[in-house]
Amino acid sequence: MTTPTPTSATPLTPITCTRQILNNTGSEFTVEIKMSKGNISGFAKLQETLPVGCTATVVQAGSASFTFAEQKAKFVWVNIPT
């Protein structure tokens, strides 16, 4: 039997996201997502589900990998920036 070793981990702060939606042409929109991640580090994923018929392309992803499949826009970081 193994006994867990207590750690003094720093409590994680909540992650928050805000969106600003701009109407570009009537049927095309730009969505700016700002994320506040507090002291979170390492792997992270932000996923947005879009209505059927909508598509997404990335304008700026920084160090994230961006994919859009099955109505889901995903940003994935192996190591989220500090």
Protein backbone atom coordinates (compact mmCIF):
# COMPACT_ATOMS: atom_id res chain seq x y z
CA MET A 1 0.00 0.00 0.00
CA THR A 2 1.21 3.47 -0.90
CA THR A 3 0.51 6.54 1.18
CA PRO A 4 0.10 9.81 -0.75
CA THR A 5 2.71 12.43 0.03
CA PRO A 6 1.22 15.78 1.06
CA THR A 7 2.23 18.72 -1.11
CA SER A 8 2.14 22.43 -0.57
CA ALA A 9 0.69 23.23 -4.00
CA THR A 10 -0.29 26.79 -4.72
CA PRO A 11 -4.06 27.09 -5.11
CA LEU A 12 -5.04 27.68 -8.74
CA THR A 13 -6.82 30.87 -9.65
CA PRO A 14 -9.92 30.69 -11.85
CA ILE A 15 -9.60 31.13 -15.60
CA THR A 16 -11.82 33.75 -17.17
CA CYS A 17 -12.52 34.60 -20.80
CA THR A 18 -14.13 37.62 -22.39
CA ARG A 19 -15.34 37.93 -25.98
CA GLN A 20 -15.68 40.97 -28.17
CA ILE A 21 -17.74 40.30 -31.31
CA LEU A 22 -17.41 42.65 -34.28
CA ASN A 23 -19.72 42.46 -37.31
CA ASN A 24 -17.46 42.77 -40.36
CA THR A 25 -19.85 42.40 -43.32
CA GLY A 26 -23.28 41.34 -42.11
CA SER A 27 -22.53 37.63 -42.39
CA GLU A 28 -18.89 37.65 -41.24
CA PHE A 29 -17.78 38.34 -37.68
CA THR A 30 -14.49 38.73 -35.86
CA VAL A 31 -14.45 37.35 -32.34
CA GLU A 32 -11.64 38.49 -30.05
CA ILE A 33 -11.16 36.24 -27.02
CA LYS A 34 -9.13 37.48 -24.07
CA MET A 35 -8.19 34.91 -21.47
CA SER A 36 -6.96 35.58 -17.94
CA LYS A 37 -5.30 32.44 -16.63
CA GLY A 38 -3.87 33.52 -13.31
CA ASN A 39 -1.10 31.17 -12.15
CA ILE A 40 -2.06 28.25 -14.43
CA SER A 41 0.87 26.75 -16.33
CA GLY A 42 1.54 23.79 -18.59
CA PHE A 43 -1.02 22.23 -20.96
CA ALA A 44 -4.20 24.20 -21.69
CA LYS A 45 -7.11 24.09 -24.13
CA LEU A 46 -9.76 26.66 -25.01
CA GLN A 47 -12.71 25.24 -26.96
CA GLU A 48 -15.63 27.14 -28.50
CA THR A 49 -18.64 25.38 -30.06
CA LEU A 50 -20.15 27.19 -33.04
CA PRO A 51 -23.66 26.84 -34.48
CA VAL A 52 -24.15 24.53 -37.48
CA GLY A 53 -23.30 26.38 -40.69
CA CYS A 54 -20.68 28.62 -39.08
CA THR A 55 -16.97 28.21 -39.66
CA ALA A 56 -13.90 29.61 -37.93
CA THR A 57 -10.46 30.65 -39.09
CA VAL A 58 -7.68 31.93 -36.91
CA VAL A 59 -6.37 35.49 -37.17
CA GLN A 60 -3.81 35.30 -34.37
CA ALA A 61 -3.11 32.28 -32.17
CA GLY A 62 0.21 33.20 -30.58
CA SER A 63 1.88 29.99 -29.44
CA ALA A 64 -1.37 27.99 -29.55
CA SER A 65 -2.22 25.34 -32.10
CA PHE A 66 -5.60 26.12 -33.72
CA THR A 67 -8.04 23.62 -35.25
CA PHE A 68 -11.66 23.78 -36.37
CA ALA A 69 -13.56 20.51 -36.76
CA GLU A 70 -17.07 19.26 -35.97
CA GLN A 71 -18.23 22.82 -35.16
CA LYS A 72 -15.52 23.19 -32.49
CA ALA A 73 -12.81 25.84 -32.60
CA LYS A 74 -9.88 24.73 -30.41
CA PHE A 75 -6.77 26.51 -29.21
CA VAL A 76 -4.25 24.17 -27.57
CA TRP A 77 -1.06 25.10 -25.73
CA VAL A 78 1.55 22.54 -24.69
CA ASN A 79 2.88 25.20 -22.31
CA ILE A 80 0.52 28.13 -21.91
CA PRO A 81 2.44 31.44 -21.97
CA THR A 82 3.07 33.23 -18.70
